[in-house]
Amino acid sequence: MEKYLKLKIAGSGADSGSKLISINDIMEVKQESTTVIQIFYKSISNYAVVPAQVAATDGPTQDAYDVLNSVQSLKITLASAAADAFSWKDFINESIETALQLSWQQPVFTPGTYPKSAASGNPPTTISSIVSGVKAAGLQS
């Protein structure tokens, strides 16, 4: 059964509004800064790079490829800095835990108030973007 977190992206552009984030097969949630959170998934994909000298002399051969591993990831960028360096990591992890405890009839969980920002008065932070991509497996740490 697929499970999702429903997160709201602030703003008025084409990407604003609610976005469903799959929580199946998440390997790690990492808060890289007070404004960037990365979610890494278990799925690993391979791609190859042909060494420049092989391509220049003989053309690419399968034996000459260096295979690199990459993992699927989501990058969540906040509109303003969070008050705590780990508040969003904890928030996402707790939201995932809650979502997984819901019955199969509730595949989507919408978390409550987002963590506080570092701004005066500590209003809740907002999400400015959620972008999917890949990251080299060796670069996760």
C-alpha atoms as a PDB file:
ATOM      1  CA  MET A   1       0.000   0.000   0.000  1.00  0.00           C
ATOM      2  CA  GLU A   2       1.439   3.346  -1.021  1.00  0.00           C
ATOM      3  CA  LYS A   3       1.525   6.042   1.667  1.00  0.00           C
ATOM      4  CA  TYR A   4       2.031   9.779   1.130  1.00  0.00           C
ATOM      5  CA  LEU A   5       2.685  12.992   3.027  1.00  0.00           C
ATOM      6  CA  LYS A   6       0.733  15.963   1.740  1.00  0.00           C
ATOM      7  CA  LEU A   7       2.883  19.105   1.966  1.00  0.00           C
ATOM      8  CA  LYS A   8       1.912  22.622   0.966  1.00  0.00           C
ATOM      9  CA  ILE A   9       4.198  24.738  -1.215  1.00  0.00           C
ATOM     10  CA  ALA A  10       3.731  28.474  -0.549  1.00  0.00           C
ATOM     11  CA  GLY A  11       3.430  31.090  -3.254  1.00  0.00           C
ATOM     12  CA  SER A  12       1.276  31.740  -6.267  1.00  0.00           C
ATOM     13  CA  GLY A  13       3.208  30.071  -9.100  1.00  0.00           C
ATOM     14  CA  ALA A  14       2.492  26.895 -11.017  1.00  0.00           C
ATOM     15  CA  ASP A  15       4.247  24.776  -8.375  1.00  0.00           C
ATOM     16  CA  SER A  16       2.349  26.228  -5.416  1.00  0.00           C
ATOM     17  CA  GLY A  17      -0.312  24.300  -3.548  1.00  0.00           C
ATOM     18  CA  SER A  18      -0.330  20.773  -2.180  1.00  0.00           C
ATOM     19  CA  LYS A  19       2.156  18.107  -3.253  1.00  0.00           C
ATOM     20  CA  LEU A  20       2.060  14.411  -2.398  1.00  0.00           C
ATOM     21  CA  ILE A  21       5.383  12.954  -1.274  1.00  0.00           C
ATOM     22  CA  SER A  22       5.747   9.170  -1.363  1.00  0.00           C
ATOM     23  CA  ILE A  23       7.019   7.797   1.934  1.00  0.00           C
ATOM     24  CA  ASN A  24       7.492   4.257   0.666  1.00  0.00           C
ATOM     25  CA  ASP A  25      11.115   3.140   0.435  1.00  0.00           C
ATOM     26  CA  ILE A  26      12.602   6.212   2.145  1.00  0.00           C
ATOM     27  CA  MET A  27      16.154   5.456   3.207  1.00  0.00           C
ATOM     28  CA  GLU A  28      17.062   8.731   4.946  1.00  0.00           C
ATOM     29  CA  VAL A  29      15.795  12.213   5.753  1.00  0.00           C
ATOM     30  CA  LYS A  30      18.659  14.676   6.016  1.00  0.00           C
ATOM     31  CA  GLN A  31      18.507  18.344   6.984  1.00  0.00           C
ATOM     32  CA  GLU A  32      21.436  19.842   5.110  1.00  0.00           C
ATOM     33  CA  SER A  33      20.896  23.386   6.411  1.00  0.00           C
ATOM     34  CA  THR A  34      18.209  25.495   8.052  1.00  0.00           C
ATOM     35  CA  THR A  35      16.610  25.934   4.597  1.00  0.00           C
ATOM     36  CA  VAL A  36      17.278  22.611   2.782  1.00  0.00           C
ATOM     37  CA  ILE A  37      15.989  19.111   3.572  1.00  0.00           C
ATOM     38  CA  GLN A  38      16.847  16.089   1.413  1.00  0.00           C
ATOM     39  CA  ILE A  39      14.804  12.877   1.327  1.00  0.00           C
ATOM     40  CA  PHE A  40      16.664   9.872  -0.108  1.00  0.00           C
ATOM     41  CA  TYR A  41      14.942   6.746  -1.424  1.00  0.00           C
ATOM     42  CA  LYS A  42      16.201   3.139  -1.564  1.00  0.00           C
ATOM     43  CA  SER A  43      16.056   2.942  -5.343  1.00  0.00           C
ATOM     44  CA  ILE A  44      19.511   3.039  -6.894  1.00  0.00           C
ATOM     45  CA  SER A  45      20.054   3.642 -10.570  1.00  0.00           C
ATOM     46  CA  ASN A  46      23.240   3.102 -12.524  1.00  0.00           C
ATOM     47  CA  TYR A  47      24.602   5.234 -15.316  1.00  0.00           C
ATOM     48  CA  ALA A  48      27.885   5.062 -17.109  1.00  0.00           C
ATOM     49  CA  VAL A  49      30.513   7.560 -18.147  1.00  0.00           C
ATOM     50  CA  VAL A  50      32.894   6.772 -20.974  1.00  0.00           C
ATOM     51  CA  PRO A  51      36.459   7.839 -20.173  1.00  0.00           C
ATOM     52  CA  ALA A  52      37.518  10.716 -22.441  1.00  0.00           C
ATOM     53  CA  GLN A  53      40.562   8.906 -23.868  1.00  0.00           C
ATOM     54  CA  VAL A  54      38.439   5.896 -24.935  1.00  0.00           C
ATOM     55  CA  ALA A  55      35.815   8.055 -26.632  1.00  0.00           C
ATOM     56  CA  ALA A  56      38.520  10.048 -28.434  1.00  0.00           C
ATOM     57  CA  THR A  57      40.509   7.100 -29.793  1.00  0.00           C
ATOM     58  CA  ASP A  58      38.346   4.026 -30.254  1.00  0.00           C
ATOM     59  CA  GLY A  59      34.849   5.178 -29.471  1.00  0.00           C
ATOM     60  CA  PRO A  60      32.998   3.916 -26.417  1.00  0.00           C
ATOM     61  CA  THR A  61      33.089   0.241 -25.501  1.00  0.00           C
ATOM     62  CA  GLN A  62      31.071  -1.437 -22.774  1.00  0.00           C
ATOM     63  CA  ASP A  63      34.267  -2.576 -21.006  1.00  0.00           C
ATOM     64  CA  ALA A  64      35.495   0.993 -20.692  1.00  0.00           C
ATOM     65  CA  TYR A  65      32.463   2.366 -18.840  1.00  0.00           C
ATOM     66  CA  ASP A  66      32.822   3.474 -15.242  1.00  0.00           C
ATOM     67  CA  VAL A  67      29.491   2.707 -13.604  1.00  0.00           C
ATOM     68  CA  LEU A  68      28.236   5.239 -11.086  1.00  0.00           C
ATOM     69  CA  ASN A  69      25.377   4.730  -8.636  1.00  0.00           C
ATOM     70  CA  SER A  70      22.811   7.383  -7.848  1.00  0.00           C
ATOM     71  CA  VAL A  71      19.774   7.469  -5.575  1.00  0.00           C
ATOM     72  CA  GLN A  72      16.408   9.116  -6.147  1.00  0.00           C
ATOM     73  CA  SER A  73      15.967  12.155  -3.935  1.00  0.00           C
ATOM     74  CA  LEU A  74      13.621  15.002  -3.102  1.00  0.00           C
ATOM     75  CA  LYS A  75      14.986  18.407  -2.173  1.00  0.00           C
ATOM     76  CA  ILE A  76      12.692  20.533  -0.016  1.00  0.00           C
ATOM     77  CA  THR A  77      13.671  24.209   0.116  1.00  0.00           C
ATOM     78  CA  LEU A  78      12.190  26.487   2.766  1.00  0.00           C
ATOM     79  CA  ALA A  79      11.253  30.123   2.129  1.00  0.00           C
ATOM     80  CA  SER A  80      12.950  31.174   5.381  1.00  0.00           C
ATOM     81  CA  ALA A  81      15.395  29.590   7.808  1.00  0.00           C
ATOM     82  CA  ALA A  82      14.048  27.252  10.459  1.00  0.00           C
ATOM     83  CA  ALA A  83      14.633  28.205  14.109  1.00  0.00           C
ATOM     84  CA  ASP A  84      16.303  24.858  14.850  1.00  0.00           C
ATOM     85  CA  ALA A  85      18.890  23.124  12.672  1.00  0.00           C
ATOM     86  CA  PHE A  86      17.093  19.759  12.952  1.00  0.00           C
ATOM     87  CA  SER A  87      13.441  20.760  13.371  1.00  0.00           C
ATOM     88  CA  TRP A  88      12.410  19.859   9.811  1.00  0.00           C
ATOM     89  CA  LYS A  89      14.218  16.513   9.861  1.00  0.00           C
ATOM     90  CA  ASP A  90      12.388  15.632  13.079  1.00  0.00           C
ATOM     91  CA  PHE A  91       9.098  16.969  11.687  1.00  0.00           C
ATOM     92  CA  ILE A  92       9.348  14.865   8.495  1.00  0.00           C
ATOM     93  CA  ASN A  93      10.426  11.737  10.405  1.00  0.00           C
ATOM     94  CA  GLU A  94       7.557  12.092  12.903  1.00  0.00           C
ATOM     95  CA  SER A  95       5.093  12.712  10.055  1.00  0.00           C
ATOM     96  CA  ILE A  96       6.307   9.563   8.257  1.00  0.00           C
ATOM     97  CA  GLU A  97       5.906   7.543  11.442  1.00  0.00           C
ATOM     98  CA  THR A  98       2.350   8.819  11.934  1.00  0.00           C
ATOM     99  CA  ALA A  99       1.416   8.179   8.302  1.00  0.00           C
ATOM    100  CA  LEU A 100       2.690   4.592   8.439  1.00  0.00           C
ATOM    101  CA  GLN A 101       0.562   3.923  11.526  1.00  0.00           C
ATOM    102  CA  LEU A 102      -2.651   4.925   9.736  1.00  0.00           C
ATOM    103  CA  SER A 103      -4.915   2.259   8.262  1.00  0.00           C
ATOM    104  CA  TRP A 104      -4.681   1.270   4.609  1.00  0.00           C
ATOM    105  CA  GLN A 105      -7.867   3.292   4.042  1.00  0.00           C
ATOM    106  CA  GLN A 106      -5.927   6.482   4.807  1.00  0.00           C
ATOM    107  CA  PRO A 107      -3.068   6.591   2.281  1.00  0.00           C
ATOM    108  CA  VAL A 108      -2.473  10.359   2.672  1.00  0.00           C
ATOM    109  CA  PHE A 109      -1.395  12.130   5.867  1.00  0.00           C
ATOM    110  CA  THR A 110      -1.415  15.933   6.096  1.00  0.00           C
ATOM    111  CA  PRO A 111       0.910  17.103   8.901  1.00  0.00           C
ATOM    112  CA  GLY A 112      -0.125  19.947  11.176  1.00  0.00           C
ATOM    113  CA  THR A 113       1.725  23.217  11.750  1.00  0.00           C
ATOM    114  CA  TYR A 114       5.200  23.378  10.226  1.00  0.00           C
ATOM    115  CA  PRO A 115       8.255  23.991  12.460  1.00  0.00           C
ATOM    116  CA  LYS A 116       8.962  27.547  13.588  1.00  0.00           C
ATOM    117  CA  SER A 117      11.140  29.895  11.569  1.00  0.00           C
ATOM    118  CA  ALA A 118      14.069  31.940  12.847  1.00  0.00           C
ATOM    119  CA  ALA A 119      12.168  35.153  11.996  1.00  0.00           C
ATOM    120  CA  SER A 120      11.001  37.511  14.710  1.00  0.00           C
ATOM    121  CA  GLY A 121       8.022  36.049  16.557  1.00  0.00           C
ATOM    122  CA  ASN A 122       8.841  32.558  15.222  1.00  0.00           C
ATOM    123  CA  PRO A 123       6.018  32.167  12.675  1.00  0.00           C
ATOM    124  CA  PRO A 124       5.833  28.723  11.012  1.00  0.00           C
ATOM    125  CA  THR A 125       8.246  28.123   8.139  1.00  0.00           C
ATOM    126  CA  THR A 126       6.900  27.680   4.623  1.00  0.00           C
ATOM    127  CA  ILE A 127       8.076  25.495   1.754  1.00  0.00           C
ATOM    128  CA  SER A 128       9.181  27.384  -1.361  1.00  0.00           C
ATOM    129  CA  SER A 129       9.910  24.329  -3.548  1.00  0.00           C
ATOM    130  CA  ILE A 130      10.055  20.545  -3.703  1.00  0.00           C
ATOM    131  CA  VAL A 131      12.257  19.223  -6.512  1.00  0.00           C
ATOM    132  CA  SER A 132      12.908  15.603  -7.428  1.00  0.00           C
ATOM    133  CA  GLY A 133      16.223  14.421  -8.797  1.00  0.00           C
ATOM    134  CA  VAL A 134      19.118  12.068  -8.257  1.00  0.00           C
ATOM    135  CA  LYS A 135      22.248  12.369  -6.180  1.00  0.00           C
ATOM    136  CA  ALA A 136      25.404  10.298  -6.437  1.00  0.00           C
ATOM    137  CA  ALA A 137      25.195   7.529  -3.837  1.00  0.00           C
ATOM    138  CA  GLY A 138      28.636   8.357  -2.451  1.00  0.00           C
ATOM    139  CA  LEU A 139      27.624  11.985  -1.826  1.00  0.00           C
ATOM    140  CA  GLN A 140      24.823  11.324   0.664  1.00  0.00           C
ATOM    141  CA  SER A 141      26.906  11.695   3.791  1.00  0.00           C
END
